[in-house]
Amino acid sequence: MATTRGSAGTYNVGEKPPTVIWTVVRGDTSAFKVYVTDDAKEPLNIPDWSISMKIKRPNVASNKGIITDDATTIMALHPAKDENDLPGEFTVSLLAAESVNLQTGDIFDIQLSLPQDELVWTVAQGSLVILEDVTD
Protein backbone atom coordinates (compact mmCIF):
# COMPACT_ATOMS: atom_id res chain seq x y z
CA MET A 1 0.00 0.00 0.00
CA ALA A 2 1.28 3.46 -0.87
CA THR A 3 1.33 6.17 1.75
CA THR A 4 1.57 9.89 1.01
CA ARG A 5 3.61 12.26 3.12
CA GLY A 6 2.08 15.53 4.13
CA SER A 7 -1.28 16.77 2.95
CA ALA A 8 -0.90 16.49 -0.81
CA GLY A 9 -3.10 13.82 -2.37
CA THR A 10 -1.92 14.19 -5.98
CA TYR A 11 1.62 14.10 -7.32
CA ASN A 12 2.51 14.85 -10.94
CA VAL A 13 5.48 12.90 -12.25
CA GLY A 14 7.10 13.39 -15.65
CA GLU A 15 6.87 16.12 -18.24
CA LYS A 16 5.14 16.41 -21.58
CA PRO A 17 7.74 16.83 -24.34
CA PRO A 18 7.90 20.34 -25.80
CA THR A 19 5.50 20.90 -28.70
CA VAL A 20 6.94 22.18 -31.98
CA ILE A 21 4.83 23.63 -34.79
CA TRP A 22 7.08 23.32 -37.85
CA THR A 23 6.06 25.56 -40.77
CA VAL A 24 7.51 24.60 -44.15
CA VAL A 25 6.89 25.91 -47.67
CA ARG A 26 6.14 22.95 -49.95
CA GLY A 27 9.18 22.20 -52.13
CA ASP A 28 11.61 24.11 -49.88
CA THR A 29 14.37 22.87 -47.63
CA SER A 30 13.85 23.51 -43.94
CA ALA A 31 15.80 22.96 -40.73
CA PHE A 32 15.75 23.72 -37.03
CA LYS A 33 18.07 23.06 -34.10
CA VAL A 34 17.25 21.11 -30.95
CA TYR A 35 19.12 21.75 -27.70
CA VAL A 36 19.09 19.11 -24.97
CA THR A 37 20.55 18.99 -21.47
CA ASP A 38 20.80 16.44 -18.69
CA ASP A 39 19.11 16.79 -15.28
CA ALA A 40 21.94 19.08 -14.12
CA LYS A 41 21.25 21.39 -17.13
CA GLU A 42 24.56 20.41 -18.74
CA PRO A 43 24.54 19.91 -22.56
CA LEU A 44 24.25 16.27 -23.60
CA ASN A 45 27.13 14.76 -25.53
CA ILE A 46 25.10 14.20 -28.72
CA PRO A 47 27.48 11.61 -30.29
CA ASP A 48 26.65 9.28 -27.35
CA TRP A 49 22.99 9.12 -28.45
CA SER A 50 21.08 7.74 -31.42
CA ILE A 51 18.55 10.23 -32.78
CA SER A 52 15.44 9.11 -34.62
CA MET A 53 12.48 10.97 -36.02
CA LYS A 54 9.37 9.92 -37.91
CA ILE A 55 6.77 12.03 -39.63
CA LYS A 56 3.35 10.41 -39.70
CA ARG A 57 -0.10 11.24 -41.06
CA PRO A 58 -3.08 10.60 -38.77
CA ASN A 59 -5.45 7.97 -40.21
CA VAL A 60 -8.52 9.91 -39.08
CA ALA A 61 -9.00 13.39 -40.57
CA SER A 62 -10.22 14.84 -37.27
CA ASN A 63 -6.84 13.89 -35.70
CA LYS A 64 -4.79 16.14 -38.04
CA GLY A 65 -2.14 17.88 -35.99
CA ILE A 66 -2.87 15.76 -32.89
CA ILE A 67 -0.21 13.36 -31.62
CA THR A 68 -1.75 9.91 -32.00
CA ASP A 69 -0.61 6.30 -32.43
CA ASP A 70 -3.27 5.90 -35.14
CA ALA A 71 -1.08 7.32 -37.91
CA THR A 72 0.79 6.11 -40.99
CA THR A 73 4.50 6.75 -41.40
CA ILE A 74 5.25 9.20 -44.23
CA MET A 75 9.02 9.33 -43.77
CA ALA A 76 11.87 8.94 -41.32
CA LEU A 77 14.33 11.79 -40.91
CA HIS A 78 17.82 11.45 -39.49
CA PRO A 79 18.64 14.43 -37.26
CA ALA A 80 22.35 14.74 -36.51
CA LYS A 81 24.95 16.98 -34.97
CA ASP A 82 26.56 19.10 -37.67
CA GLU A 83 29.73 21.20 -37.62
CA ASN A 84 27.80 24.39 -36.73
CA ASP A 85 25.99 22.88 -33.74
CA LEU A 86 27.07 23.87 -30.23
CA PRO A 87 27.40 21.33 -27.38
CA GLY A 88 24.01 19.75 -26.71
CA GLU A 89 22.62 20.72 -30.12
CA PHE A 90 21.63 18.75 -33.19
CA THR A 91 19.92 19.74 -36.42
CA VAL A 92 16.67 18.45 -37.89
CA SER A 93 16.60 19.01 -41.64
CA LEU A 94 14.21 18.36 -44.47
CA LEU A 95 15.17 18.28 -48.15
CA ALA A 96 13.11 20.08 -50.79
CA ALA A 97 12.19 16.74 -52.41
CA GLU A 98 10.92 15.49 -49.03
CA SER A 99 8.78 18.52 -48.23
CA VAL A 100 6.59 18.00 -51.33
CA ASN A 101 5.20 14.83 -49.68
CA LEU A 102 3.99 16.54 -46.50
CA GLN A 103 0.61 17.95 -45.51
CA THR A 104 -0.59 20.33 -42.84
CA GLY A 105 -1.53 18.22 -39.84
CA ASP A 106 1.21 15.63 -40.26
CA ILE A 107 2.77 14.83 -36.88
CA PHE A 108 6.27 13.94 -35.67
CA ASP A 109 8.39 13.23 -32.67
CA ILE A 110 12.12 13.18 -32.03
CA GLN A 111 13.58 10.46 -29.87
CA LEU A 112 17.03 10.01 -28.34
CA SER A 113 18.28 6.64 -27.16
CA LEU A 114 21.48 5.24 -25.72
CA PRO A 115 23.16 2.33 -27.57
CA GLN A 116 21.50 -0.48 -25.58
CA ASP A 117 18.15 1.37 -25.26
CA GLU A 118 18.82 1.64 -21.52
CA LEU A 119 17.41 5.15 -21.80
CA VAL A 120 14.91 6.26 -24.43
CA TRP A 121 13.69 9.84 -24.37
CA THR A 122 11.20 11.70 -26.56
CA VAL A 123 12.67 15.21 -26.59
CA ALA A 124 9.99 16.89 -28.73
CA GLN A 125 6.67 16.26 -30.45
CA GLY A 126 4.90 18.38 -32.97
CA SER A 127 2.93 18.94 -36.11
CA LEU A 128 3.56 20.46 -39.49
CA VAL A 129 2.03 23.46 -41.23
CA ILE A 130 2.68 23.23 -44.97
CA LEU A 131 2.40 26.40 -47.02
CA GLU A 132 1.82 26.18 -50.75
CA ASP A 133 4.64 27.30 -53.03
CA VAL A 134 4.10 29.78 -55.86
CA THR A 135 7.48 29.62 -57.61
CA ASP A 136 8.46 26.26 -59.11
C-alpha atoms as a PDB file:
ATOM      1  CA  MET A   1       0.000   0.000   0.000  1.00  0.00           C
ATOM      2  CA  ALA A   2       1.280   3.461  -0.873  1.00  0.00           C
ATOM      3  CA  THR A   3       1.329   6.166   1.755  1.00  0.00           C
ATOM      4  CA  THR A   4       1.566   9.887   1.014  1.00  0.00           C
ATOM      5  CA  ARG A   5       3.607  12.263   3.116  1.00  0.00           C
ATOM      6  CA  GLY A   6       2.078  15.533   4.133  1.00  0.00           C
ATOM      7  CA  SER A   7      -1.282  16.772   2.954  1.00  0.00           C
ATOM      8  CA  ALA A   8      -0.904  16.494  -0.815  1.00  0.00           C
ATOM      9  CA  GLY A   9      -3.103  13.818  -2.370  1.00  0.00           C
ATOM     10  CA  THR A  10      -1.919  14.186  -5.978  1.00  0.00           C
ATOM     11  CA  TYR A  11       1.616  14.099  -7.323  1.00  0.00           C
ATOM     12  CA  ASN A  12       2.510  14.853 -10.936  1.00  0.00           C
ATOM     13  CA  VAL A  13       5.477  12.896 -12.250  1.00  0.00           C
ATOM     14  CA  GLY A  14       7.103  13.389 -15.652  1.00  0.00           C
ATOM     15  CA  GLU A  15       6.866  16.120 -18.239  1.00  0.00           C
ATOM     16  CA  LYS A  16       5.139  16.413 -21.581  1.00  0.00           C
ATOM     17  CA  PRO A  17       7.739  16.829 -24.339  1.00  0.00           C
ATOM     18  CA  PRO A  18       7.900  20.335 -25.802  1.00  0.00           C
ATOM     19  CA  THR A  19       5.497  20.898 -28.698  1.00  0.00           C
ATOM     20  CA  VAL A  20       6.942  22.183 -31.976  1.00  0.00           C
ATOM     21  CA  ILE A  21       4.830  23.630 -34.788  1.00  0.00           C
ATOM     22  CA  TRP A  22       7.085  23.323 -37.851  1.00  0.00           C
ATOM     23  CA  THR A  23       6.059  25.562 -40.768  1.00  0.00           C
ATOM     24  CA  VAL A  24       7.510  24.600 -44.153  1.00  0.00           C
ATOM     25  CA  VAL A  25       6.888  25.909 -47.667  1.00  0.00           C
ATOM     26  CA  ARG A  26       6.144  22.949 -49.947  1.00  0.00           C
ATOM     27  CA  GLY A  27       9.181  22.199 -52.128  1.00  0.00           C
ATOM     28  CA  ASP A  28      11.609  24.109 -49.883  1.00  0.00           C
ATOM     29  CA  THR A  29      14.372  22.868 -47.628  1.00  0.00           C
ATOM     30  CA  SER A  30      13.852  23.509 -43.939  1.00  0.00           C
ATOM     31  CA  ALA A  31      15.802  22.957 -40.731  1.00  0.00           C
ATOM     32  CA  PHE A  32      15.752  23.719 -37.033  1.00  0.00           C
ATOM     33  CA  LYS A  33      18.074  23.058 -34.095  1.00  0.00           C
ATOM     34  CA  VAL A  34      17.245  21.113 -30.945  1.00  0.00           C
ATOM     35  CA  TYR A  35      19.120  21.753 -27.698  1.00  0.00           C
ATOM     36  CA  VAL A  36      19.086  19.106 -24.965  1.00  0.00           C
ATOM     37  CA  THR A  37      20.550  18.989 -21.468  1.00  0.00           C
ATOM     38  CA  ASP A  38      20.803  16.443 -18.685  1.00  0.00           C
ATOM     39  CA  ASP A  39      19.109  16.791 -15.279  1.00  0.00           C
ATOM     40  CA  ALA A  40      21.942  19.084 -14.116  1.00  0.00           C
ATOM     41  CA  LYS A  41      21.247  21.392 -17.127  1.00  0.00           C
ATOM     42  CA  GLU A  42      24.557  20.406 -18.745  1.00  0.00           C
ATOM     43  CA  PRO A  43      24.543  19.913 -22.558  1.00  0.00           C
ATOM     44  CA  LEU A  44      24.251  16.269 -23.601  1.00  0.00           C
ATOM     45  CA  ASN A  45      27.132  14.759 -25.528  1.00  0.00           C
ATOM     46  CA  ILE A  46      25.103  14.201 -28.717  1.00  0.00           C
ATOM     47  CA  PRO A  47      27.478  11.609 -30.289  1.00  0.00           C
ATOM     48  CA  ASP A  48      26.654   9.277 -27.351  1.00  0.00           C
ATOM     49  CA  TRP A  49      22.994   9.119 -28.449  1.00  0.00           C
ATOM     50  CA  SER A  50      21.078   7.740 -31.420  1.00  0.00           C
ATOM     51  CA  ILE A  51      18.551  10.230 -32.782  1.00  0.00           C
ATOM     52  CA  SER A  52      15.439   9.108 -34.618  1.00  0.00           C
ATOM     53  CA  MET A  53      12.482  10.971 -36.023  1.00  0.00           C
ATOM     54  CA  LYS A  54       9.373   9.917 -37.907  1.00  0.00           C
ATOM     55  CA  ILE A  55       6.771  12.030 -39.626  1.00  0.00           C
ATOM     56  CA  LYS A  56       3.348  10.411 -39.703  1.00  0.00           C
ATOM     57  CA  ARG A  57      -0.097  11.239 -41.061  1.00  0.00           C
ATOM     58  CA  PRO A  58      -3.083  10.602 -38.770  1.00  0.00           C
ATOM     59  CA  ASN A  59      -5.447   7.973 -40.208  1.00  0.00           C
ATOM     60  CA  VAL A  60      -8.519   9.907 -39.078  1.00  0.00           C
ATOM     61  CA  ALA A  61      -9.005  13.391 -40.568  1.00  0.00           C
ATOM     62  CA  SER A  62     -10.218  14.838 -37.265  1.00  0.00           C
ATOM     63  CA  ASN A  63      -6.841  13.895 -35.700  1.00  0.00           C
ATOM     64  CA  LYS A  64      -4.788  16.140 -38.040  1.00  0.00           C
ATOM     65  CA  GLY A  65      -2.137  17.881 -35.986  1.00  0.00           C
ATOM     66  CA  ILE A  66      -2.874  15.763 -32.892  1.00  0.00           C
ATOM     67  CA  ILE A  67      -0.214  13.360 -31.622  1.00  0.00           C
ATOM     68  CA  THR A  68      -1.750   9.905 -32.004  1.00  0.00           C
ATOM     69  CA  ASP A  69      -0.612   6.298 -32.431  1.00  0.00           C
ATOM     70  CA  ASP A  70      -3.265   5.897 -35.145  1.00  0.00           C
ATOM     71  CA  ALA A  71      -1.083   7.319 -37.913  1.00  0.00           C
ATOM     72  CA  THR A  72       0.787   6.109 -40.994  1.00  0.00           C
ATOM     73  CA  THR A  73       4.505   6.749 -41.404  1.00  0.00           C
ATOM     74  CA  ILE A  74       5.246   9.197 -44.227  1.00  0.00           C
ATOM     75  CA  MET A  75       9.024   9.335 -43.765  1.00  0.00           C
ATOM     76  CA  ALA A  76      11.871   8.943 -41.320  1.00  0.00           C
ATOM     77  CA  LEU A  77      14.332  11.790 -40.905  1.00  0.00           C
ATOM     78  CA  HIS A  78      17.821  11.451 -39.485  1.00  0.00           C
ATOM     79  CA  PRO A  79      18.637  14.434 -37.264  1.00  0.00           C
ATOM     80  CA  ALA A  80      22.350  14.736 -36.513  1.00  0.00           C
ATOM     81  CA  LYS A  81      24.946  16.982 -34.972  1.00  0.00           C
ATOM     82  CA  ASP A  82      26.560  19.100 -37.669  1.00  0.00           C
ATOM     83  CA  GLU A  83      29.728  21.200 -37.622  1.00  0.00           C
ATOM     84  CA  ASN A  84      27.796  24.388 -36.732  1.00  0.00           C
ATOM     85  CA  ASP A  85      25.992  22.880 -33.737  1.00  0.00           C
ATOM     86  CA  LEU A  86      27.067  23.873 -30.234  1.00  0.00           C
ATOM     87  CA  PRO A  87      27.402  21.333 -27.385  1.00  0.00           C
ATOM     88  CA  GLY A  88      24.010  19.746 -26.709  1.00  0.00           C
ATOM     89  CA  GLU A  89      22.624  20.723 -30.125  1.00  0.00           C
ATOM     90  CA  PHE A  90      21.630  18.753 -33.190  1.00  0.00           C
ATOM     91  CA  THR A  91      19.918  19.745 -36.421  1.00  0.00           C
ATOM     92  CA  VAL A  92      16.668  18.451 -37.891  1.00  0.00           C
ATOM     93  CA  SER A  93      16.604  19.012 -41.640  1.00  0.00           C
ATOM     94  CA  LEU A  94      14.213  18.356 -44.473  1.00  0.00           C
ATOM     95  CA  LEU A  95      15.172  18.277 -48.153  1.00  0.00           C
ATOM     96  CA  ALA A  96      13.109  20.081 -50.792  1.00  0.00           C
ATOM     97  CA  ALA A  97      12.193  16.745 -52.412  1.00  0.00           C
ATOM     98  CA  GLU A  98      10.922  15.490 -49.033  1.00  0.00           C
ATOM     99  CA  SER A  99       8.778  18.523 -48.226  1.00  0.00           C
ATOM    100  CA  VAL A 100       6.589  17.996 -51.327  1.00  0.00           C
ATOM    101  CA  ASN A 101       5.197  14.835 -49.679  1.00  0.00           C
ATOM    102  CA  LEU A 102       3.994  16.545 -46.503  1.00  0.00           C
ATOM    103  CA  GLN A 103       0.614  17.954 -45.511  1.00  0.00           C
ATOM    104  CA  THR A 104      -0.588  20.329 -42.837  1.00  0.00           C
ATOM    105  CA  GLY A 105      -1.535  18.222 -39.837  1.00  0.00           C
ATOM    106  CA  ASP A 106       1.212  15.626 -40.261  1.00  0.00           C
ATOM    107  CA  ILE A 107       2.774  14.828 -36.883  1.00  0.00           C
ATOM    108  CA  PHE A 108       6.273  13.941 -35.671  1.00  0.00           C
ATOM    109  CA  ASP A 109       8.393  13.227 -32.674  1.00  0.00           C
ATOM    110  CA  ILE A 110      12.118  13.183 -32.029  1.00  0.00           C
ATOM    111  CA  GLN A 111      13.585  10.463 -29.869  1.00  0.00           C
ATOM    112  CA  LEU A 112      17.034  10.015 -28.339  1.00  0.00           C
ATOM    113  CA  SER A 113      18.279   6.637 -27.161  1.00  0.00           C
ATOM    114  CA  LEU A 114      21.476   5.239 -25.716  1.00  0.00           C
ATOM    115  CA  PRO A 115      23.157   2.329 -27.569  1.00  0.00           C
ATOM    116  CA  GLN A 116      21.503  -0.483 -25.575  1.00  0.00           C
ATOM    117  CA  ASP A 117      18.152   1.374 -25.256  1.00  0.00           C
ATOM    118  CA  GLU A 118      18.819   1.642 -21.517  1.00  0.00           C
ATOM    119  CA  LEU A 119      17.409   5.147 -21.798  1.00  0.00           C
ATOM    120  CA  VAL A 120      14.914   6.258 -24.434  1.00  0.00           C
ATOM    121  CA  TRP A 121      13.686   9.836 -24.374  1.00  0.00           C
ATOM    122  CA  THR A 122      11.204  11.705 -26.564  1.00  0.00           C
ATOM    123  CA  VAL A 123      12.668  15.212 -26.585  1.00  0.00           C
ATOM    124  CA  ALA A 124       9.993  16.890 -28.733  1.00  0.00           C
ATOM    125  CA  GLN A 125       6.672  16.264 -30.452  1.00  0.00           C
ATOM    126  CA  GLY A 126       4.898  18.380 -32.975  1.00  0.00           C
ATOM    127  CA  SER A 127       2.927  18.938 -36.107  1.00  0.00           C
ATOM    128  CA  LEU A 128       3.559  20.463 -39.492  1.00  0.00           C
ATOM    129  CA  VAL A 129       2.025  23.455 -41.233  1.00  0.00           C
ATOM    130  CA  ILE A 130       2.684  23.230 -44.965  1.00  0.00           C
ATOM    131  CA  LEU A 131       2.402  26.405 -47.022  1.00  0.00           C
ATOM    132  CA  GLU A 132       1.819  26.185 -50.745  1.00  0.00           C
ATOM    133  CA  ASP A 133       4.637  27.298 -53.029  1.00  0.00           C
ATOM    134  CA  VAL A 134       4.102  29.785 -55.859  1.00  0.00           C
ATOM    135  CA  THR A 135       7.476  29.619 -57.609  1.00  0.00           C
ATOM    136  CA  ASP A 136       8.460  26.264 -59.107  1.00  0.00           C
END
